Amino acid sequence: MADGRDVEVAVVGGGPAGLMAADSALAAGASVALYDALGSVGRKFLLAGKGGLNLTHSEPRPAFDARYRERAGAVGRWLDQLDANGLRDWARALGVDTFVGTSGRVFPTDLKAAPLLRGWVRRLRERGLRLHAHHRFEGWTPDAALAFATPQGPLAVRAGAVVLALGGGSWPVLGSDGAWVPVLRGHGVDVAPLRPANCGFDVDWSAHFRERHAGHPIKPVALCWVDGHGVVQRRQGEMVASEHGLEGSLIYAASADLREAIARDGAVTVHLDLVPGRDGAAIERVLAAPRRGRSLAETLRRGLGIGGVRAGLLHEVLDAGAKADPARLAAAIGALPVRLRAPRPLAEAISTAGGVRFEALDAGGMCSALPGVFCAGEMVDWEAPTGGYLLTACLASGRAAGVAAAAWSAHHPTASD
């Protein structure tokens, strides 16, 4: 195995967390090399910006921190070093101004990810970052050097400190394939199983429903579910009837609670309000009024604005008796039960839950079982909803890990230093 050049800080993974770790380690005065399995860095960053880069969210702290659920305290310590306002300042320093959208989400003024990424990588190179593409992390050699598979063959790299920013298990085509899990477990690192987050769920649709309605948006609609504390939650928004079940932003927002309920009970039933804002008694009066020859479908469409996929959902879920009874039908329109059988596979999810447990890391993000090895980004065991919270935590964790790794390296130089 060929020996690579020694480096003070080696960053493994070229996503947002890895790039920010490299940025902060360089700012601390360390020499830094970054290794990525793909041919270029920032692939998932560019994917996140495909429909407009949602950089962060304007929600104030501590409400912002609460989005990270049981990991609010730990992620909050990252945010103490780089919060939403800090990210906007960081982008501005790269020549990219931002604005707050009507939903509170923060975007670059041109909505694009590519200009920000180009400016960032250019600045990193100017500061001395050495980028190495097509270097796949394989663990460590028997003498504790980093091991990489490269087009030229195996490579060993010695570093004073290492930041692993290898992503979770979602979007494996972009490099986040979870292949690091058995490697770290083999070195005694406690890793929680990787699970889908911000994901869709399987529903046992009939063939008729799939053929007629798969791919159609369901709006307006409100989703009701029971959270992990047994409290009924309700949120209005949009979702999509997919070939396999339900997906979309409204379902993603509840996905952590729904995933855990399925793990516990084998399935979970949610309720859809197909006409949010409409009074149940008024709905029943519309349904009970004489039809004068009109069909049920026409009554639903003209009287309540229910057609297409929403009408299809009623026919899919309700039996003939319920559809013929105005009271039962009105109740179902306001709270239609839909049974979710399983989350969609991890590879389809927007993000990942699980990963290196915080209990396996010290305050600086270093693995207790691997001194000098720090973890950042989605490979750590936290999750958050979409809306800028995911990217913010990845970047903030990278900042914290890069600072800590540079400090460690200053006191633990490589053999040739």
Protein backbone atom coordinates (compact mmCIF):
# COMPACT_ATOMS: atom_id res chain seq x y z
CA MET A 1 0.00 0.00 0.00
CA ALA A 2 1.47 3.33 -1.06
CA ASP A 3 2.02 5.98 1.64
CA GLY A 4 0.26 9.31 1.14
CA ARG A 5 1.56 12.66 2.32
CA ASP A 6 1.17 13.45 6.00
CA VAL A 7 -1.38 16.14 6.84
CA GLU A 8 -2.39 17.89 10.02
CA VAL A 9 -6.15 17.46 9.44
CA ALA A 10 -7.67 14.98 6.99
CA VAL A 11 -11.34 15.50 6.15
CA VAL A 12 -13.11 12.49 4.64
CA GLY A 13 -16.25 13.44 2.75
CA GLY A 14 -16.90 16.43 0.51
CA GLY A 15 -20.46 17.28 1.43
CA PRO A 16 -21.55 20.40 3.35
CA ALA A 17 -20.28 19.13 6.72
CA GLY A 18 -16.92 18.06 5.32
CA LEU A 19 -16.37 21.29 3.43
CA MET A 20 -17.23 23.35 6.51
CA ALA A 21 -14.90 21.21 8.65
CA ALA A 22 -12.11 21.89 6.18
CA ASP A 23 -12.98 25.59 6.15
CA SER A 24 -12.83 25.96 9.93
CA ALA A 25 -9.67 23.86 10.31
CA LEU A 26 -7.93 26.01 7.68
CA ALA A 27 -9.10 29.15 9.48
CA ALA A 28 -7.52 27.74 12.66
CA GLY A 29 -4.18 27.49 10.85
CA ALA A 30 -4.03 23.76 10.13
CA SER A 31 -2.95 22.19 6.87
CA VAL A 32 -5.93 20.31 5.48
CA ALA A 33 -6.54 17.68 2.84
CA LEU A 34 -10.04 16.56 1.85
CA TYR A 35 -10.81 13.16 0.36
CA ASP A 36 -14.02 12.24 -1.43
CA ALA A 37 -15.17 9.04 -3.13
CA LEU A 38 -16.77 10.88 -6.06
CA GLY A 39 -15.24 12.94 -8.81
CA SER A 40 -16.22 16.30 -7.32
CA VAL A 41 -17.33 17.73 -4.00
CA GLY A 42 -20.68 19.15 -2.98
CA ARG A 43 -22.93 16.79 -4.93
CA LYS A 44 -25.63 16.65 -2.25
CA PHE A 45 -25.31 20.41 -1.71
CA LEU A 46 -26.15 20.91 -5.36
CA LEU A 47 -29.02 18.44 -5.11
CA ALA A 48 -30.42 20.35 -2.14
CA GLY A 49 -30.44 23.47 -4.30
CA LYS A 50 -32.13 21.88 -7.29
CA GLY A 51 -35.45 23.61 -6.58
CA GLY A 52 -33.90 26.61 -4.84
CA LEU A 53 -31.23 26.28 -2.14
CA ASN A 54 -32.91 26.38 1.27
CA LEU A 55 -29.82 27.38 3.24
CA THR A 56 -31.38 27.79 6.68
CA HIS A 57 -34.49 29.04 8.48
CA SER A 58 -35.26 32.35 10.17
CA GLU A 59 -37.04 30.78 13.14
CA PRO A 60 -35.46 32.21 16.32
CA ARG A 61 -33.75 30.13 18.93
CA PRO A 62 -34.60 28.21 21.11
CA ALA A 63 -37.57 27.24 18.91
CA PHE A 64 -35.04 26.53 16.14
CA ASP A 65 -33.17 24.10 18.41
CA ALA A 66 -36.39 22.26 19.29
CA ARG A 67 -36.67 21.08 15.68
CA TYR A 68 -33.94 18.56 16.51
CA ARG A 69 -36.24 16.79 19.00
CA GLU A 70 -34.38 14.77 21.64
CA ARG A 71 -31.04 15.99 20.27
CA ALA A 72 -31.93 19.68 20.66
CA GLY A 73 -29.34 20.25 23.38
CA ALA A 74 -26.47 18.58 21.53
CA VAL A 75 -27.24 20.22 18.18
CA GLY A 76 -27.78 23.51 20.01
CA ARG A 77 -24.12 23.44 21.06
CA TRP A 78 -23.18 23.26 17.38
CA LEU A 79 -25.51 26.16 16.66
CA ASP A 80 -23.77 28.19 19.34
CA GLN A 81 -20.80 28.22 16.97
CA LEU A 82 -22.73 28.67 13.72
CA ASP A 83 -26.44 29.51 13.75
CA ALA A 84 -28.81 30.73 11.04
CA ASN A 85 -27.61 34.33 11.26
CA GLY A 86 -24.02 33.15 11.16
CA LEU A 87 -24.75 31.15 8.01
CA ARG A 88 -26.22 34.20 6.32
CA ASP A 89 -23.08 36.16 7.22
CA TRP A 90 -20.92 33.31 5.92
CA ALA A 91 -22.77 33.29 2.60
CA ARG A 92 -22.50 37.06 2.34
CA ALA A 93 -18.72 36.80 2.80
CA LEU A 94 -18.71 34.52 -0.25
CA GLY A 95 -20.57 37.17 -2.26
CA VAL A 96 -24.02 35.57 -1.92
CA ASP A 97 -26.84 37.58 -0.37
CA THR A 98 -29.87 35.84 1.10
CA PHE A 99 -33.53 36.59 1.74
CA VAL A 100 -36.27 35.23 3.97
CA GLY A 101 -39.21 33.69 2.11
CA THR A 102 -42.82 33.85 3.19
CA SER A 103 -42.46 30.50 4.97
CA GLY A 104 -39.49 31.75 6.99
CA ARG A 105 -37.03 29.73 4.95
CA VAL A 106 -33.78 31.44 3.90
CA PHE A 107 -32.58 31.32 0.30
CA PRO A 108 -29.80 32.89 -1.80
CA THR A 109 -31.21 35.81 -3.75
CA ASP A 110 -30.74 33.89 -7.02
CA LEU A 111 -32.03 30.67 -5.37
CA LYS A 112 -29.05 28.75 -6.79
CA ALA A 113 -26.59 26.48 -5.02
CA ALA A 114 -23.88 26.38 -7.70
CA PRO A 115 -22.56 29.97 -7.33
CA LEU A 116 -22.24 29.57 -3.57
CA LEU A 117 -20.48 26.22 -3.92
CA ARG A 118 -18.10 27.52 -6.59
CA GLY A 119 -17.14 30.52 -4.51
CA TRP A 120 -16.69 28.37 -1.44
CA VAL A 121 -14.46 25.79 -3.13
CA ARG A 122 -12.42 28.54 -4.77
CA ARG A 123 -11.80 30.19 -1.41
CA LEU A 124 -10.87 26.86 0.19
CA ARG A 125 -8.31 26.20 -2.54
CA GLU A 126 -6.90 29.70 -2.16
CA ARG A 127 -6.46 29.03 1.56
CA GLY A 128 -4.48 25.89 0.80
CA LEU A 129 -6.99 23.05 0.84
CA ARG A 130 -5.80 19.97 -1.04
CA LEU A 131 -8.71 18.17 -2.70
CA HIS A 132 -8.44 14.49 -3.62
CA ALA A 133 -11.29 13.03 -5.68
CA HIS A 134 -11.99 9.32 -6.26
CA HIS A 135 -10.62 8.38 -2.83
CA ARG A 136 -12.99 5.93 -1.14
CA PHE A 137 -12.56 5.56 2.60
CA GLU A 138 -11.98 1.93 3.67
CA GLY A 139 -10.99 2.37 7.30
CA TRP A 140 -7.53 2.20 8.79
CA THR A 141 -4.38 0.24 8.14
CA PRO A 142 -2.92 -1.98 10.89
CA ASP A 143 -0.58 0.89 11.82
CA ALA A 144 -3.49 3.39 12.16
CA ALA A 145 -3.13 5.27 8.87
CA LEU A 146 -6.24 6.17 6.89
CA ALA A 147 -6.89 3.65 4.13
CA PHE A 148 -8.31 4.71 0.77
CA ALA A 149 -9.09 2.90 -2.46
CA THR A 150 -8.05 5.05 -5.42
CA PRO A 151 -7.84 4.54 -9.20
CA GLN A 152 -4.09 4.13 -8.74
CA GLY A 153 -4.49 1.52 -6.02
CA PRO A 154 -4.60 1.47 -2.21
CA LEU A 155 -3.35 4.57 -0.41
CA ALA A 156 -2.43 5.15 3.25
CA VAL A 157 -2.56 8.66 4.71
CA ARG A 158 -1.31 9.73 8.12
CA ALA A 159 -3.02 12.64 9.82
CA GLY A 160 -2.79 14.42 13.14
CA ALA A 161 -6.59 14.51 13.25
CA VAL A 162 -9.38 13.15 11.09
CA VAL A 163 -12.88 14.51 10.47
CA LEU A 164 -15.27 11.92 9.09
CA ALA A 165 -18.21 13.52 7.26
CA LEU A 166 -19.44 10.49 5.35
CA GLY A 167 -23.17 11.21 5.28
CA GLY A 168 -25.98 8.88 6.26
CA GLY A 169 -27.53 6.19 4.11
CA SER A 170 -29.90 8.18 1.92
CA TRP A 171 -29.01 9.07 -1.68
CA PRO A 172 -26.28 6.40 -2.08
CA VAL A 173 -25.80 7.47 -5.69
CA LEU A 174 -24.29 10.67 -4.28
CA GLY A 175 -21.92 8.79 -1.98
CA SER A 176 -23.99 8.56 1.23
CA ASP A 177 -24.26 4.79 1.26
CA GLY A 178 -23.62 3.98 4.93
CA ALA A 179 -20.67 1.75 4.07
CA TRP A 180 -18.78 3.30 7.00
CA VAL A 181 -21.13 1.78 9.60
CA PRO A 182 -19.45 -1.66 9.93
CA VAL A 183 -16.02 -0.03 9.73
CA LEU A 184 -16.65 2.20 12.75
CA ARG A 185 -18.49 -0.52 14.65
CA GLY A 186 -15.47 -2.74 14.09
CA HIS A 187 -13.38 -0.13 15.91
CA GLY A 188 -15.72 0.00 18.89
CA VAL A 189 -17.77 3.06 17.94
CA ASP A 190 -21.42 2.89 19.03
CA VAL A 191 -23.56 3.42 15.92
CA ALA A 192 -27.37 3.48 16.00
CA PRO A 193 -29.00 1.72 13.02
CA LEU A 194 -29.55 4.00 10.03
CA ARG A 195 -33.23 4.67 9.35
CA PRO A 196 -35.15 6.76 6.81
CA ALA A 197 -36.11 10.31 7.80
CA ASN A 198 -38.19 12.84 5.89
CA CYS A 199 -39.57 9.89 3.97
CA GLY A 200 -42.74 8.57 2.39
CA PHE A 201 -44.76 5.61 3.64
CA ASP A 202 -46.30 2.52 2.09
CA VAL A 203 -50.08 2.18 1.85
CA ASP A 204 -51.81 -0.89 0.44
CA TRP A 205 -53.58 0.93 -2.40
CA SER A 206 -55.79 -1.02 -4.73
CA ALA A 207 -54.62 -1.41 -8.33
CA HIS A 208 -57.49 0.86 -9.42
CA PHE A 209 -56.40 3.68 -7.11
CA ARG A 210 -52.74 3.41 -8.17
CA GLU A 211 -53.64 3.51 -11.85
CA ARG A 212 -55.99 6.49 -11.47
CA HIS A 213 -54.24 8.64 -8.87
CA ALA A 214 -50.55 7.80 -8.39
CA GLY A 215 -48.48 10.96 -8.68
CA HIS A 216 -51.38 13.33 -8.01
CA PRO A 217 -51.02 16.03 -5.33
CA ILE A 218 -53.51 16.01 -2.47
CA LYS A 219 -54.38 19.59 -1.58
CA PRO A 220 -55.71 21.19 0.40
CA VAL A 221 -55.39 18.62 3.16
CA ALA A 222 -54.60 18.47 6.86
CA LEU A 223 -52.80 15.57 8.49
CA CYS A 224 -53.60 14.40 12.03
CA TRP A 225 -51.34 11.97 13.88
CA VAL A 226 -50.23 11.08 17.40
CA ASP A 227 -46.69 12.13 18.28
CA GLY A 228 -44.17 10.27 20.41
CA HIS A 229 -45.61 11.80 23.58
CA GLY A 230 -49.16 10.65 22.83
CA VAL A 231 -50.31 14.12 21.81
CA VAL A 232 -52.51 14.55 18.73
CA GLN A 233 -50.85 16.78 16.15
CA ARG A 234 -52.48 18.49 13.21
CA ARG A 235 -50.81 20.26 10.31
CA GLN A 236 -52.15 21.57 7.02
CA GLY A 237 -50.19 21.44 3.79
CA GLU A 238 -49.70 19.20 0.78
CA MET A 239 -48.86 15.59 0.10
CA VAL A 240 -48.79 13.29 -2.90
CA ALA A 241 -50.46 9.95 -3.53
CA SER A 242 -47.57 7.88 -4.82
CA GLU A 243 -47.59 4.46 -6.43
CA HIS A 244 -46.54 3.00 -3.10
CA GLY A 245 -48.40 5.21 -0.63
CA LEU A 246 -48.07 8.80 0.59
CA GLU A 247 -45.17 11.20 0.34
CA GLY A 248 -44.55 14.95 0.26
CA SER A 249 -43.76 17.74 2.69
CA LEU A 250 -46.71 17.19 5.00
CA ILE A 251 -45.91 13.50 5.47
CA TYR A 252 -42.19 14.24 5.83
CA ALA A 253 -42.91 16.63 8.69
CA ALA A 254 -44.49 13.80 10.69
CA SER A 255 -42.17 11.05 9.50
CA ALA A 256 -40.15 10.62 12.70
CA ASP A 257 -43.28 10.04 14.80
CA LEU A 258 -44.82 7.79 12.16
CA ARG A 259 -41.65 5.74 11.70
CA GLU A 260 -41.34 5.14 15.44
CA ALA A 261 -45.02 4.19 15.76
CA ILE A 262 -44.64 1.62 12.98
CA ALA A 263 -41.51 0.21 14.61
CA ARG A 264 -43.44 -0.15 17.86
CA ASP A 265 -46.86 -1.30 16.62
CA GLY A 266 -46.25 -2.71 13.13
CA ALA A 267 -48.40 -0.05 11.40
CA VAL A 268 -49.93 3.34 12.14
CA THR A 269 -53.18 5.03 11.12
CA VAL A 270 -53.22 8.73 10.29
CA HIS A 271 -56.29 10.84 9.51
CA LEU A 272 -56.69 13.19 6.57
CA ASP A 273 -58.98 16.21 6.65
CA LEU A 274 -59.88 16.58 2.99
CA VAL A 275 -61.60 19.96 3.41
CA PRO A 276 -59.62 21.75 6.14
CA GLY A 277 -61.44 24.70 7.59
CA ARG A 278 -64.92 23.39 6.77
CA ASP A 279 -67.34 22.76 9.63
CA GLY A 280 -68.40 19.13 10.04
CA ALA A 281 -72.07 19.97 10.54
CA ALA A 282 -72.07 22.10 7.39
CA ILE A 283 -70.46 19.25 5.45
CA GLU A 284 -73.16 16.87 6.66
CA ARG A 285 -75.91 19.29 5.61
CA VAL A 286 -74.50 19.41 2.07
CA LEU A 287 -74.41 15.63 1.91
CA ALA A 288 -77.89 15.20 3.40
CA ALA A 289 -79.59 17.71 1.08
CA PRO A 290 -81.75 16.28 -1.72
CA ARG A 291 -79.53 15.48 -4.70
CA ARG A 292 -82.22 16.00 -7.36
CA GLY A 293 -80.73 13.34 -9.58
CA ARG A 294 -77.09 14.25 -8.99
CA SER A 295 -74.59 11.49 -8.26
CA LEU A 296 -72.48 11.35 -5.11
CA ALA A 297 -69.42 12.31 -7.15
CA GLU A 298 -71.18 15.42 -8.46
CA THR A 299 -72.41 16.33 -4.97
CA LEU A 300 -68.88 16.05 -3.58
CA ARG A 301 -67.44 18.11 -6.42
CA ARG A 302 -70.07 20.87 -6.54
CA GLY A 303 -70.96 21.08 -2.88
CA LEU A 304 -67.56 20.51 -1.25
CA GLY A 305 -64.96 20.92 -3.98
CA ILE A 306 -63.86 17.31 -3.58
CA GLY A 307 -62.82 15.62 -6.79
CA GLY A 308 -59.92 13.80 -8.36
CA VAL A 309 -57.55 12.14 -5.93
CA ARG A 310 -59.44 13.35 -2.83
CA ALA A 311 -62.63 11.73 -4.09
CA GLY A 312 -60.56 8.69 -4.99
CA LEU A 313 -59.34 8.45 -1.40
CA LEU A 314 -62.91 8.37 -0.12
CA HIS A 315 -63.82 5.56 -2.50
CA GLU A 316 -60.61 3.72 -1.63
CA VAL A 317 -61.11 3.78 2.13
CA LEU A 318 -64.89 3.77 2.70
CA ASP A 319 -67.36 0.99 2.17
CA ALA A 320 -70.71 1.46 0.43
CA GLY A 321 -72.55 1.87 3.73
CA ALA A 322 -70.33 4.75 4.87
CA LYS A 323 -70.66 6.54 1.53
CA ALA A 324 -74.45 6.27 1.70
CA ASP A 325 -74.68 7.66 5.24
CA PRO A 326 -74.30 11.51 5.32
CA ALA A 327 -73.12 11.52 8.95
CA ARG A 328 -70.49 8.81 8.47
CA LEU A 329 -69.34 10.29 5.17
CA ALA A 330 -69.05 13.79 6.65
CA ALA A 331 -67.00 12.41 9.55
CA ALA A 332 -64.69 10.59 7.12
CA ILE A 333 -64.19 13.69 4.98
CA GLY A 334 -62.94 15.49 8.07
CA ALA A 335 -60.86 12.59 9.39
CA LEU A 336 -60.28 9.90 6.77
CA PRO A 337 -58.30 7.00 8.28
CA VAL A 338 -55.34 5.83 6.19
CA ARG A 339 -53.16 2.95 7.40
CA LEU A 340 -49.42 3.39 6.82
CA ARG A 341 -47.69 0.04 6.66
CA ALA A 342 -43.97 0.89 6.47
CA PRO A 343 -41.57 3.74 5.71
CA ARG A 344 -40.11 3.77 2.23
CA PRO A 345 -36.54 2.41 1.89
CA LEU A 346 -33.65 4.43 3.26
CA ALA A 347 -32.17 4.98 -0.21
CA GLU A 348 -35.31 6.96 -1.16
CA ALA A 349 -35.39 9.14 1.95
CA ILE A 350 -34.39 12.78 1.97
CA SER A 351 -32.28 12.28 5.09
CA THR A 352 -31.15 9.73 7.65
CA ALA A 353 -31.86 9.09 11.30
CA GLY A 354 -29.43 7.05 13.37
CA GLY A 355 -25.66 7.07 13.09
CA VAL A 356 -22.81 7.64 15.53
CA ARG A 357 -24.45 8.21 18.90
CA PHE A 358 -23.62 11.44 20.73
CA GLU A 359 -22.82 9.28 23.74
CA ALA A 360 -19.91 7.85 21.71
CA LEU A 361 -18.48 11.35 21.14
CA ASP A 362 -16.88 13.88 23.44
CA ALA A 363 -17.92 17.54 23.57
CA GLY A 364 -15.79 18.30 20.51
CA GLY A 365 -17.27 15.49 18.43
CA MET A 366 -14.32 13.11 18.85
CA CYS A 367 -14.95 9.38 19.02
CA SER A 368 -14.11 8.08 22.48
CA ALA A 369 -13.04 4.79 20.90
CA LEU A 370 -10.87 6.49 18.25
CA PRO A 371 -8.82 9.38 19.67
CA GLY A 372 -8.19 12.04 17.05
CA VAL A 373 -11.17 10.98 14.91
CA PHE A 374 -14.09 13.43 14.81
CA CYS A 375 -17.53 12.97 13.24
CA ALA A 376 -19.76 15.56 11.60
CA GLY A 377 -22.91 15.90 9.58
CA GLU A 378 -25.59 13.35 8.87
CA MET A 379 -23.50 10.40 10.02
CA VAL A 380 -24.15 11.53 13.61
CA ASP A 381 -27.38 10.40 15.30
CA TRP A 382 -29.75 13.35 14.90
CA GLU A 383 -32.58 14.25 12.56
CA ALA A 384 -34.61 17.31 11.63
CA PRO A 385 -37.42 18.32 9.29
CA THR A 386 -36.78 19.91 5.93
CA GLY A 387 -36.90 23.70 5.76
CA GLY A 388 -33.21 24.55 6.20
CA TYR A 389 -32.76 22.73 9.50
CA LEU A 390 -30.95 19.76 7.95
CA LEU A 391 -28.36 21.83 6.10
CA THR A 392 -27.85 24.18 9.05
CA ALA A 393 -26.99 21.34 11.43
CA CYS A 394 -24.66 19.71 8.88
CA LEU A 395 -22.75 22.96 8.41
CA ALA A 396 -22.71 23.79 12.11
CA SER A 397 -21.46 20.32 13.03
CA GLY A 398 -18.72 20.67 10.43
CA ARG A 399 -17.65 23.97 11.94
CA ALA A 400 -17.45 22.43 15.43
CA ALA A 401 -15.57 19.33 14.26
CA GLY A 402 -13.09 21.31 12.17
CA VAL A 403 -12.21 23.62 15.06
CA ALA A 404 -11.80 20.69 17.46
CA ALA A 405 -9.74 18.67 14.97
CA ALA A 406 -7.35 21.57 14.35
CA ALA A 407 -6.85 21.99 18.09
CA TRP A 408 -6.21 18.25 18.53
CA SER A 409 -3.76 18.19 15.64
CA ALA A 410 -1.78 21.06 17.12
CA HIS A 411 -1.10 18.93 20.19
CA HIS A 412 -0.82 15.56 18.40
CA PRO A 413 1.29 16.09 15.25
CA THR A 414 1.88 13.40 12.65
CA ALA A 415 5.06 11.37 12.88
CA SER A 416 7.01 13.44 10.35
CA ASP A 417 6.03 16.83 11.86
